[in-house]
Amino acid sequence: MPHKKQAAPTKKAARLKKPTKNIIALHYLMTRSLNKKEAAALYWETALPTTISELHHKHGLEFEKAREPSRPRPDGGVSHFTRYTLKESSKAKARALLGQYQMPEGLK
């Protein structure tokens, strides 16, 4: 069977970078808020607070943070998670940053 040639990547696609964990988190944060448990389920994120901190300090993005209870623990206590939401005032900057990366098909 003859080997099919693949089309050469466009110039723009060739310039786009592979997304990092922080960029994948930002992709999701453009349309929804996240807490640590949700991020782990979506894309295997294990350090969401660090990711949020890096996005803030390296790129100047601003986030709203809200503490929310999780289900009760076996000892009767309640665990809490922080829910992160990208502020509207940071969305234009975030869109520009995301535009530098080639997102995997499953994330589009």
PDB file of N, CA and C in Angstrom:
ATOM      1  N   MET A   1       0.837  -1.167   0.000  1.00  0.00           N
ATOM      2  CA  MET A   1       0.000   0.000   0.000  1.00  0.00           C
ATOM      3  C   MET A   1       0.893   1.244   0.000  1.00  0.00           C
ATOM      4  N   PRO A   2       0.627   2.200  -0.883  1.00  0.00           N
ATOM      5  CA  PRO A   2       1.489   3.382  -0.948  1.00  0.00           C
ATOM      6  C   PRO A   2       1.361   4.233   0.312  1.00  0.00           C
ATOM      7  N   HIS A   3       2.467   4.844   0.697  1.00  0.00           N
ATOM      8  CA  HIS A   3       2.501   5.718   1.871  1.00  0.00           C
ATOM      9  C   HIS A   3       1.924   7.071   1.489  1.00  0.00           C
ATOM     10  N   LYS A   4       0.947   7.542   2.260  1.00  0.00           N
ATOM     11  CA  LYS A   4       0.339   8.842   1.983  1.00  0.00           C
ATOM     12  C   LYS A   4       1.205   9.942   2.571  1.00  0.00           C
ATOM     13  N   LYS A   5       1.395  10.975   1.785  1.00  0.00           N
ATOM     14  CA  LYS A   5       2.146  12.132   2.258  1.00  0.00           C
ATOM     15  C   LYS A   5       1.241  13.006   3.106  1.00  0.00           C
ATOM     16  N   GLN A   6       1.778  13.474   4.208  1.00  0.00           N
ATOM     17  CA  GLN A   6       1.023  14.408   5.034  1.00  0.00           C
ATOM     18  C   GLN A   6       1.322  15.825   4.562  1.00  0.00           C
ATOM     19  N   ALA A   7       0.324  16.664   4.660  1.00  0.00           N
ATOM     20  CA  ALA A   7       0.508  18.056   4.273  1.00  0.00           C
ATOM     21  C   ALA A   7       1.502  18.720   5.215  1.00  0.00           C
ATOM     22  N   ALA A   8       2.301  19.600   4.653  1.00  0.00           N
ATOM     23  CA  ALA A   8       3.256  20.344   5.473  1.00  0.00           C
ATOM     24  C   ALA A   8       2.485  21.276   6.398  1.00  0.00           C
ATOM     25  N   PRO A   9       2.966  21.455   7.614  1.00  0.00           N
ATOM     26  CA  PRO A   9       2.264  22.356   8.532  1.00  0.00           C
ATOM     27  C   PRO A   9       2.296  23.787   8.005  1.00  0.00           C
ATOM     28  N   THR A  10       1.259  24.527   8.310  1.00  0.00           N
ATOM     29  CA  THR A  10       1.230  25.926   7.897  1.00  0.00           C
ATOM     30  C   THR A  10       2.274  26.691   8.691  1.00  0.00           C
ATOM     31  N   LYS A  11       2.617  27.866   8.211  1.00  0.00           N
ATOM     32  CA  LYS A  11       3.622  28.660   8.921  1.00  0.00           C
ATOM     33  C   LYS A  11       3.175  28.978  10.341  1.00  0.00           C
ATOM     34  N   LYS A  12       1.887  29.303  10.502  1.00  0.00           N
ATOM     35  CA  LYS A  12       1.395  29.621  11.846  1.00  0.00           C
ATOM     36  C   LYS A  12       1.484  28.405  12.757  1.00  0.00           C
ATOM     37  N   ALA A  13       1.054  27.238  12.269  1.00  0.00           N
ATOM     38  CA  ALA A  13       1.104  26.019  13.085  1.00  0.00           C
ATOM     39  C   ALA A  13       2.540  25.672  13.449  1.00  0.00           C
ATOM     40  N   ALA A  14       3.473  25.923  12.543  1.00  0.00           N
ATOM     41  CA  ALA A  14       4.875  25.618  12.813  1.00  0.00           C
ATOM     42  C   ALA A  14       5.432  26.531  13.907  1.00  0.00           C
ATOM     43  N   ARG A  15       4.870  27.727  14.059  1.00  0.00           N
ATOM     44  CA  ARG A  15       5.352  28.675  15.070  1.00  0.00           C
ATOM     45  C   ARG A  15       4.726  28.448  16.439  1.00  0.00           C
ATOM     46  N   LEU A  16       3.606  27.754  16.481  1.00  0.00           N
ATOM     47  CA  LEU A  16       2.913  27.555  17.751  1.00  0.00           C
ATOM     48  C   LEU A  16       3.663  26.561  18.629  1.00  0.00           C
ATOM     49  N   LYS A  17       3.632  26.807  19.924  1.00  0.00           N
ATOM     50  CA  LYS A  17       4.339  25.958  20.881  1.00  0.00           C
ATOM     51  C   LYS A  17       3.414  24.883  21.432  1.00  0.00           C
ATOM     52  N   LYS A  18       4.036  23.820  21.932  1.00  0.00           N
ATOM     53  CA  LYS A  18       3.284  22.766  22.612  1.00  0.00           C
ATOM     54  C   LYS A  18       2.852  23.316  23.976  1.00  0.00           C
ATOM     55  N   PRO A  19       1.578  23.121  24.350  1.00  0.00           N
ATOM     56  CA  PRO A  19       1.110  23.712  25.610  1.00  0.00           C
ATOM     57  C   PRO A  19       1.713  23.038  26.842  1.00  0.00           C
ATOM     58  N   THR A  20       1.994  23.848  27.829  1.00  0.00           N
ATOM     59  CA  THR A  20       2.463  23.352  29.121  1.00  0.00           C
ATOM     60  C   THR A  20       1.243  23.084  30.005  1.00  0.00           C
ATOM     61  N   LYS A  21       1.477  22.518  31.156  1.00  0.00           N
ATOM     62  CA  LYS A  21       0.396  22.272  32.116  1.00  0.00           C
ATOM     63  C   LYS A  21      -0.299  23.583  32.477  1.00  0.00           C
ATOM     64  N   ASN A  22       0.465  24.644  32.652  1.00  0.00           N
ATOM     65  CA  ASN A  22      -0.125  25.937  33.003  1.00  0.00           C
ATOM     66  C   ASN A  22      -1.047  26.447  31.896  1.00  0.00           C
ATOM     67  N   ILE A  23      -0.654  26.245  30.659  1.00  0.00           N
ATOM     68  CA  ILE A  23      -1.454  26.713  29.525  1.00  0.00           C
ATOM     69  C   ILE A  23      -2.725  25.874  29.398  1.00  0.00           C
ATOM     70  N   ILE A  24      -2.635  24.589  29.657  1.00  0.00           N
ATOM     71  CA  ILE A  24      -3.832  23.739  29.624  1.00  0.00           C
ATOM     72  C   ILE A  24      -4.804  24.182  30.723  1.00  0.00           C
ATOM     73  N   ALA A  25      -4.282  24.491  31.902  1.00  0.00           N
ATOM     74  CA  ALA A  25      -5.138  25.001  32.985  1.00  0.00           C
ATOM     75  C   ALA A  25      -5.810  26.297  32.548  1.00  0.00           C
ATOM     76  N   LEU A  26      -5.050  27.188  31.940  1.00  0.00           N
ATOM     77  CA  LEU A  26      -5.598  28.465  31.496  1.00  0.00           C
ATOM     78  C   LEU A  26      -6.679  28.264  30.438  1.00  0.00           C
ATOM     79  N   HIS A  27      -6.476  27.294  29.565  1.00  0.00           N
ATOM     80  CA  HIS A  27      -7.486  26.969  28.553  1.00  0.00           C
ATOM     81  C   HIS A  27      -8.830  26.671  29.228  1.00  0.00           C
ATOM     82  N   TYR A  28      -8.808  25.840  30.239  1.00  0.00           N
ATOM     83  CA  TYR A  28     -10.045  25.511  30.955  1.00  0.00           C
ATOM     84  C   TYR A  28     -10.586  26.714  31.724  1.00  0.00           C
ATOM     85  N   LEU A  29      -9.692  27.491  32.319  1.00  0.00           N
ATOM     86  CA  LEU A  29     -10.113  28.636  33.131  1.00  0.00           C
ATOM     87  C   LEU A  29     -10.723  29.773  32.308  1.00  0.00           C
ATOM     88  N   MET A  30     -10.580  29.724  31.005  1.00  0.00           N
ATOM     89  CA  MET A  30     -11.213  30.735  30.153  1.00  0.00           C
ATOM     90  C   MET A  30     -12.737  30.592  30.170  1.00  0.00           C
ATOM     91  N   THR A  31     -13.219  29.377  30.398  1.00  0.00           N
ATOM     92  CA  THR A  31     -14.664  29.145  30.291  1.00  0.00           C
ATOM     93  C   THR A  31     -15.311  28.618  31.567  1.00  0.00           C
ATOM     94  N   ARG A  32     -14.511  28.328  32.574  1.00  0.00           N
ATOM     95  CA  ARG A  32     -15.075  27.778  33.810  1.00  0.00           C
ATOM     96  C   ARG A  32     -14.132  28.030  34.972  1.00  0.00           C
ATOM     97  N   SER A  33     -14.644  27.868  36.169  1.00  0.00           N
ATOM     98  CA  SER A  33     -13.792  27.922  37.353  1.00  0.00           C
ATOM     99  C   SER A  33     -13.319  26.500  37.637  1.00  0.00           C
ATOM    100  N   LEU A  34     -12.263  26.389  38.434  1.00  0.00           N
ATOM    101  CA  LEU A  34     -11.705  25.073  38.769  1.00  0.00           C
ATOM    102  C   LEU A  34     -11.302  25.023  40.232  1.00  0.00           C
ATOM    103  N   ASN A  35     -11.433  23.832  40.821  1.00  0.00           N
ATOM    104  CA  ASN A  35     -10.787  23.565  42.096  1.00  0.00           C
ATOM    105  C   ASN A  35      -9.819  22.404  41.861  1.00  0.00           C
ATOM    106  N   LYS A  36      -9.057  22.059  42.878  1.00  0.00           N
ATOM    107  CA  LYS A  36      -8.002  21.056  42.746  1.00  0.00           C
ATOM    108  C   LYS A  36      -8.539  19.691  42.300  1.00  0.00           C
ATOM    109  N   LYS A  37      -9.678  19.279  42.844  1.00  0.00           N
ATOM    110  CA  LYS A  37     -10.247  17.973  42.479  1.00  0.00           C
ATOM    111  C   LYS A  37     -10.688  17.949  41.021  1.00  0.00           C
ATOM    112  N   GLU A  38     -11.308  19.023  40.561  1.00  0.00           N
ATOM    113  CA  GLU A  38     -11.770  19.082  39.172  1.00  0.00           C
ATOM    114  C   GLU A  38     -10.596  19.095  38.200  1.00  0.00           C
ATOM    115  N   ALA A  39      -9.548  19.841  38.542  1.00  0.00           N
ATOM    116  CA  ALA A  39      -8.370  19.901  37.683  1.00  0.00           C
ATOM    117  C   ALA A  39      -7.705  18.527  37.578  1.00  0.00           C
ATOM    118  N   ALA A  40      -7.663  17.800  38.677  1.00  0.00           N
ATOM    119  CA  ALA A  40      -7.084  16.451  38.650  1.00  0.00           C
ATOM    120  C   ALA A  40      -7.889  15.538  37.737  1.00  0.00           C
ATOM    121  N   ALA A  41      -9.198  15.647  37.777  1.00  0.00           N
ATOM    122  CA  ALA A  41     -10.056  14.806  36.937  1.00  0.00           C
ATOM    123  C   ALA A  41      -9.977  15.201  35.463  1.00  0.00           C
ATOM    124  N   LEU A  42      -9.828  16.488  35.177  1.00  0.00           N
ATOM    125  CA  LEU A  42      -9.814  16.962  33.789  1.00  0.00           C
ATOM    126  C   LEU A  42      -8.508  16.679  33.066  1.00  0.00           C
ATOM    127  N   TYR A  43      -7.373  16.986  33.705  1.00  0.00           N
ATOM    128  CA  TYR A  43      -6.099  16.883  32.983  1.00  0.00           C
ATOM    129  C   TYR A  43      -4.933  16.486  33.895  1.00  0.00           C
ATOM    130  N   TRP A  44      -5.237  15.743  34.934  1.00  0.00           N
ATOM    131  CA  TRP A  44      -4.227  15.166  35.835  1.00  0.00           C
ATOM    132  C   TRP A  44      -3.397  16.216  36.564  1.00  0.00           C
ATOM    133  N   GLU A  45      -3.961  17.368  36.792  1.00  0.00           N
ATOM    134  CA  GLU A  45      -3.287  18.431  37.539  1.00  0.00           C
ATOM    135  C   GLU A  45      -3.191  18.032  39.004  1.00  0.00           C
ATOM    136  N   THR A  46      -2.008  18.130  39.575  1.00  0.00           N
ATOM    137  CA  THR A  46      -1.843  17.781  40.985  1.00  0.00           C
ATOM    138  C   THR A  46      -1.398  18.963  41.840  1.00  0.00           C
ATOM    139  N   ALA A  47      -1.156  20.107  41.216  1.00  0.00           N
ATOM    140  CA  ALA A  47      -0.664  21.268  41.966  1.00  0.00           C
ATOM    141  C   ALA A  47      -1.328  22.551  41.467  1.00  0.00           C
ATOM    142  N   LEU A  48      -2.644  22.576  41.452  1.00  0.00           N
ATOM    143  CA  LEU A  48      -3.364  23.734  40.922  1.00  0.00           C
ATOM    144  C   LEU A  48      -2.986  25.047  41.619  1.00  0.00           C
ATOM    145  N   PRO A  49      -2.828  25.095  42.937  1.00  0.00           N
ATOM    146  CA  PRO A  49      -2.434  26.371  43.554  1.00  0.00           C
ATOM    147  C   PRO A  49      -1.104  26.909  43.001  1.00  0.00           C
ATOM    148  N   THR A  50      -0.157  26.028  42.747  1.00  0.00           N
ATOM    149  CA  THR A  50       1.126  26.442  42.173  1.00  0.00           C
ATOM    150  C   THR A  50       0.935  26.937  40.747  1.00  0.00           C
ATOM    151  N   THR A  51       0.120  26.243  39.972  1.00  0.00           N
ATOM    152  CA  THR A  51      -0.162  26.652  38.595  1.00  0.00           C
ATOM    153  C   THR A  51      -0.777  28.046  38.572  1.00  0.00           C
ATOM    154  N   ILE A  52      -1.747  28.292  39.434  1.00  0.00           N
ATOM    155  CA  ILE A  52      -2.403  29.602  39.505  1.00  0.00           C
ATOM    156  C   ILE A  52      -1.382  30.674  39.883  1.00  0.00           C
ATOM    157  N   SER A  53      -0.531  30.378  40.850  1.00  0.00           N
ATOM    158  CA  SER A  53       0.501  31.322  41.284  1.00  0.00           C
ATOM    159  C   SER A  53       1.452  31.657  40.136  1.00  0.00           C
ATOM    160  N   GLU A  54       1.862  30.653  39.383  1.00  0.00           N
ATOM    161  CA  GLU A  54       2.770  30.885  38.252  1.00  0.00           C
ATOM    162  C   GLU A  54       2.095  31.716  37.165  1.00  0.00           C
ATOM    163  N   LEU A  55       0.835  31.438  36.867  1.00  0.00           N
ATOM    164  CA  LEU A  55       0.111  32.234  35.869  1.00  0.00           C
ATOM    165  C   LEU A  55       0.002  33.694  36.322  1.00  0.00           C
ATOM    166  N   HIS A  56      -0.171  33.894  37.608  1.00  0.00           N
ATOM    167  CA  HIS A  56      -0.258  35.256  38.148  1.00  0.00           C
ATOM    168  C   HIS A  56       1.098  35.964  38.091  1.00  0.00           C
ATOM    169  N   HIS A  57       2.135  35.321  38.606  1.00  0.00           N
ATOM    170  CA  HIS A  57       3.440  35.979  38.716  1.00  0.00           C
ATOM    171  C   HIS A  57       4.177  36.087  37.389  1.00  0.00           C
ATOM    172  N   LYS A  58       4.074  35.094  36.532  1.00  0.00           N
ATOM    173  CA  LYS A  58       4.798  35.123  35.252  1.00  0.00           C
ATOM    174  C   LYS A  58       4.051  35.882  34.160  1.00  0.00           C
ATOM    175  N   HIS A  59       2.719  35.891  34.225  1.00  0.00           N
ATOM    176  CA  HIS A  59       1.941  36.473  33.126  1.00  0.00           C
ATOM    177  C   HIS A  59       1.016  37.600  33.569  1.00  0.00           C
ATOM    178  N   GLY A  60       0.975  37.892  34.859  1.00  0.00           N
ATOM    179  CA  GLY A  60       0.160  38.994  35.355  1.00  0.00           C
ATOM    180  C   GLY A  60      -1.337  38.744  35.330  1.00  0.00           C
ATOM    181  N   LEU A  61      -1.747  37.483  35.271  1.00  0.00           N
ATOM    182  CA  LEU A  61      -3.171  37.163  35.245  1.00  0.00           C
ATOM    183  C   LEU A  61      -3.741  37.217  36.657  1.00  0.00           C
ATOM    184  N   GLU A  62      -4.972  37.667  36.762  1.00  0.00           N
ATOM    185  CA  GLU A  62      -5.631  37.818  38.060  1.00  0.00           C
ATOM    186  C   GLU A  62      -6.758  36.793  38.202  1.00  0.00           C
ATOM    187  N   PHE A  63      -6.883  36.252  39.394  1.00  0.00           N
ATOM    188  CA  PHE A  63      -7.881  35.222  39.677  1.00  0.00           C
ATOM    189  C   PHE A  63      -8.684  35.574  40.916  1.00  0.00           C
ATOM    190  N   GLU A  64      -9.954  35.212  40.896  1.00  0.00           N
ATOM    191  CA  GLU A  64     -10.778  35.259  42.097  1.00  0.00           C
ATOM    192  C   GLU A  64     -10.598  33.917  42.788  1.00  0.00           C
ATOM    193  N   LYS A  65     -10.547  33.946  44.115  1.00  0.00           N
ATOM    194  CA  LYS A  65     -10.372  32.719  44.891  1.00  0.00           C
ATOM    195  C   LYS A  65     -11.490  32.622  45.910  1.00  0.00           C
ATOM    196  N   ALA A  66     -12.110  31.453  45.976  1.00  0.00           N
ATOM    197  CA  ALA A  66     -13.192  31.242  46.943  1.00  0.00           C
ATOM    198  C   ALA A  66     -13.002  29.887  47.605  1.00  0.00           C
ATOM    199  N   ARG A  67     -13.034  29.876  48.922  1.00  0.00           N
ATOM    200  CA  ARG A  67     -12.904  28.629  49.683  1.00  0.00           C
ATOM    201  C   ARG A  67     -14.262  27.951  49.717  1.00  0.00           C
ATOM    202  N   GLU A  68     -14.276  26.648  49.396  1.00  0.00           N
ATOM    203  CA  GLU A  68     -15.549  25.922  49.402  1.00  0.00           C
ATOM    204  C   GLU A  68     -15.378  24.568  50.078  1.00  0.00           C
ATOM    205  N   PRO A  69     -16.403  24.122  50.789  1.00  0.00           N
ATOM    206  CA  PRO A  69     -16.308  22.827  51.473  1.00  0.00           C
ATOM    207  C   PRO A  69     -16.438  21.675  50.489  1.00  0.00           C
ATOM    208  N   SER A  70     -15.809  20.581  50.845  1.00  0.00           N
ATOM    209  CA  SER A  70     -15.952  19.345  50.090  1.00  0.00           C
ATOM    210  C   SER A  70     -16.812  18.411  50.932  1.00  0.00           C
ATOM    211  N   ARG A  71     -16.884  17.168  50.549  1.00  0.00           N
ATOM    212  CA  ARG A  71     -17.691  16.234  51.352  1.00  0.00           C
ATOM    213  C   ARG A  71     -17.026  15.999  52.712  1.00  0.00           C
ATOM    214  N   PRO A  72     -17.794  15.591  53.691  1.00  0.00           N
ATOM    215  CA  PRO A  72     -17.238  15.358  55.032  1.00  0.00           C
ATOM    216  C   PRO A  72     -16.184  14.241  55.028  1.00  0.00           C
ATOM    217  N   ARG A  73     -15.196  14.408  55.890  1.00  0.00           N
ATOM    218  CA  ARG A  73     -14.151  13.392  56.050  1.00  0.00           C
ATOM    219  C   ARG A  73     -14.660  12.291  56.978  1.00  0.00           C
ATOM    220  N   PRO A  74     -13.994  11.128  56.987  1.00  0.00           N
ATOM    221  CA  PRO A  74     -14.408  10.042  57.885  1.00  0.00           C
ATOM    222  C   PRO A  74     -14.377  10.430  59.363  1.00  0.00           C
ATOM    223  N   ASP A  75     -13.507  11.384  59.719  1.00  0.00           N
ATOM    224  CA  ASP A  75     -13.431  11.793  61.129  1.00  0.00           C
ATOM    225  C   ASP A  75     -14.488  12.835  61.497  1.00  0.00           C
ATOM    226  N   GLY A  76     -15.367  13.163  60.554  1.00  0.00           N
ATOM    227  CA  GLY A  76     -16.436  14.125  60.820  1.00  0.00           C
ATOM    228  C   GLY A  76     -16.096  15.555  60.437  1.00  0.00           C
ATOM    229  N   GLY A  77     -14.823  15.821  60.184  1.00  0.00           N
ATOM    230  CA  GLY A  77     -14.426  17.168  59.758  1.00  0.00           C
ATOM    231  C   GLY A  77     -14.787  17.405  58.294  1.00  0.00           C
ATOM    232  N   VAL A  78     -14.577  18.607  57.850  1.00  0.00           N
ATOM    233  CA  VAL A  78     -14.872  18.959  56.461  1.00  0.00           C
ATOM    234  C   VAL A  78     -13.597  19.457  55.793  1.00  0.00           C
ATOM    235  N   SER A  79     -13.302  18.905  54.631  1.00  0.00           N
ATOM    236  CA  SER A  79     -12.172  19.390  53.837  1.00  0.00           C
ATOM    237  C   SER A  79     -12.627  20.591  53.019  1.00  0.00           C
ATOM    238  N   HIS A  80     -11.708  21.486  52.749  1.00  0.00           N
ATOM    239  CA  HIS A  80     -12.012  22.656  51.929  1.00  0.00           C
ATOM    240  C   HIS A  80     -11.081  22.696  50.724  1.00  0.00           C
ATOM    241  N   PHE A  81     -11.598  23.203  49.640  1.00  0.00           N
ATOM    242  CA  PHE A  81     -10.817  23.420  48.434  1.00  0.00           C
ATOM    243  C   PHE A  81     -10.973  24.875  48.031  1.00  0.00           C
ATOM    244  N   THR A  82     -10.006  25.381  47.303  1.00  0.00           N
ATOM    245  CA  THR A  82     -10.112  26.733  46.769  1.00  0.00           C
ATOM    246  C   THR A  82     -10.566  26.640  45.322  1.00  0.00           C
ATOM    247  N   ARG A  83     -11.595  27.416  44.978  1.00  0.00           N
ATOM    248  CA  ARG A  83     -12.081  27.494  43.600  1.00  0.00           C
ATOM    249  C   ARG A  83     -11.464  28.737  42.973  1.00  0.00           C
ATOM    250  N   TYR A  84     -10.841  28.555  41.803  1.00  0.00           N
ATOM    251  CA  TYR A  84     -10.179  29.644  41.094  1.00  0.00           C
ATOM    252  C   TYR A  84     -10.989  30.025  39.862  1.00  0.00           C
ATOM    253  N   THR A  85     -11.173  31.324  39.676  1.00  0.00           N
ATOM    254  CA  THR A  85     -11.879  31.854  38.515  1.00  0.00           C
ATOM    255  C   THR A  85     -11.016  32.952  37.904  1.00  0.00           C
ATOM    256  N   LEU A  86     -10.765  32.866  36.610  1.00  0.00           N
ATOM    257  CA  LEU A  86     -10.014  33.909  35.915  1.00  0.00           C
ATOM    258  C   LEU A  86     -10.871  35.175  35.868  1.00  0.00           C
ATOM    259  N   LYS A  87     -10.320  36.296  36.314  1.00  0.00           N
ATOM    260  CA  LYS A  87     -11.072  37.552  36.317  1.00  0.00           C
ATOM    261  C   LYS A  87     -11.304  38.029  34.884  1.00  0.00           C
ATOM    262  N   GLU A  88     -12.462  38.628  34.648  1.00  0.00           N
ATOM    263  CA  GLU A  88     -12.799  39.163  33.320  1.00  0.00           C
ATOM    264  C   GLU A  88     -11.716  40.107  32.819  1.00  0.00           C
ATOM    265  N   SER A  89     -11.145  40.887  33.714  1.00  0.00           N
ATOM    266  CA  SER A  89     -10.119  41.864  33.335  1.00  0.00           C
ATOM    267  C   SER A  89      -8.835  41.212  32.825  1.00  0.00           C
ATOM    268  N   SER A  90      -8.662  39.918  33.044  1.00  0.00           N
ATOM    269  CA  SER A  90      -7.467  39.200  32.583  1.00  0.00           C
ATOM    270  C   SER A  90      -7.727  38.350  31.345  1.00  0.00           C
ATOM    271  N   LYS A  91      -8.961  38.286  30.888  1.00  0.00           N
ATOM    272  CA  LYS A  91      -9.282  37.366  29.785  1.00  0.00           C
ATOM    273  C   LYS A  91      -8.645  37.756  28.455  1.00  0.00           C
ATOM    274  N   ALA A  92      -8.526  39.029  28.148  1.00  0.00           N
ATOM    275  CA  ALA A  92      -7.888  39.435  26.890  1.00  0.00           C
ATOM    276  C   ALA A  92      -6.414  39.029  26.898  1.00  0.00           C
ATOM    277  N   LYS A  93      -5.736  39.255  28.015  1.00  0.00           N
ATOM    278  CA  LYS A  93      -4.331  38.868  28.140  1.00  0.00           C
ATOM    279  C   LYS A  93      -4.196  37.344  28.047  1.00  0.00           C
ATOM    280  N   ALA A  94      -5.117  36.623  28.662  1.00  0.00           N
ATOM    281  CA  ALA A  94      -5.090  35.158  28.629  1.00  0.00           C
ATOM    282  C   ALA A  94      -5.310  34.650  27.201  1.00  0.00           C
ATOM    283  N   ARG A  95      -6.251  35.266  26.463  1.00  0.00           N
ATOM    284  CA  ARG A  95      -6.511  34.874  25.071  1.00  0.00           C
ATOM    285  C   ARG A  95      -5.257  35.053  24.216  1.00  0.00           C
ATOM    286  N   ALA A  96      -4.572  36.163  24.403  1.00  0.00           N
ATOM    287  CA  ALA A  96      -3.341  36.424  23.653  1.00  0.00           C
ATOM    288  C   ALA A  96      -2.274  35.383  23.988  1.00  0.00           C
ATOM    289  N   LEU A  97      -2.162  35.021  25.242  1.00  0.00           N
ATOM    290  CA  LEU A  97      -1.196  34.007  25.665  1.00  0.00           C
ATOM    291  C   LEU A  97      -1.546  32.647  25.066  1.00  0.00           C
ATOM    292  N   LEU A  98      -2.810  32.265  25.125  1.00  0.00           N
ATOM    293  CA  LEU A  98      -3.244  30.980  24.566  1.00  0.00           C
ATOM    294  C   LEU A  98      -3.017  30.911  23.060  1.00  0.00           C
ATOM    295  N   GLY A  99      -3.083  32.046  22.385  1.00  0.00           N
ATOM    296  CA  GLY A  99      -2.883  32.091  20.940  1.00  0.00           C
ATOM    297  C   GLY A  99      -1.481  31.705  20.500  1.00  0.00           C
ATOM    298  N   GLN A 100      -0.554  31.619  21.424  1.00  0.00           N
ATOM    299  CA  GLN A 100       0.824  31.237  21.111  1.00  0.00           C
ATOM    300  C   GLN A 100       1.035  29.723  21.133  1.00  0.00           C
ATOM    301  N   TYR A 101      -0.001  28.973  21.480  1.00  0.00           N
ATOM    302  CA  TYR A 101       0.132  27.531  21.682  1.00  0.00           C
ATOM    303  C   TYR A 101      -0.808  26.747  20.777  1.00  0.00           C
ATOM    304  N   GLN A 102      -0.365  25.578  20.361  1.00  0.00           N
ATOM    305  CA  GLN A 102      -1.175  24.645  19.579  1.00  0.00           C
ATOM    306  C   GLN A 102      -1.842  23.696  20.565  1.00  0.00           C
ATOM    307  N   MET A 103      -3.132  23.872  20.773  1.00  0.00           N
ATOM    308  CA  MET A 103      -3.846  23.045  21.739  1.00  0.00           C
ATOM    309  C   MET A 103      -4.169  21.683  21.134  1.00  0.00           C
ATOM    310  N   PRO A 104      -4.057  20.609  21.911  1.00  0.00           N
ATOM    311  CA  PRO A 104      -4.422  19.276  21.420  1.00  0.00           C
ATOM    312  C   PRO A 104      -5.892  19.236  21.005  1.00  0.00           C
ATOM    313  N   GLU A 105      -6.213  18.389  20.046  1.00  0.00           N
ATOM    314  CA  GLU A 105      -7.577  18.289  19.518  1.00  0.00           C
ATOM    315  C   GLU A 105      -8.613  18.077  20.621  1.00  0.00           C
ATOM    316  N   GLY A 106      -8.328  17.260  21.601  1.00  0.00           N
ATOM    317  CA  GLY A 106      -9.287  16.959  22.655  1.00  0.00           C
ATOM    318  C   GLY A 106      -9.646  18.149  23.531  1.00  0.00           C
ATOM    319  N   LEU A 107      -8.856  19.209  23.486  1.00  0.00           N
ATOM    320  CA  LEU A 107      -9.107  20.375  24.331  1.00  0.00           C
ATOM    321  C   LEU A 107      -9.858  21.484  23.613  1.00  0.00           C
ATOM    322  N   LYS A 108     -10.077  21.339  22.332  1.00  0.00           N
ATOM    323  CA  LYS A 108     -10.711  22.425  21.571  1.00  0.00           C
ATOM    324  C   LYS A 108     -12.184  22.470  21.753  1.00  0.00           C
TER     325      LYS A 108
END
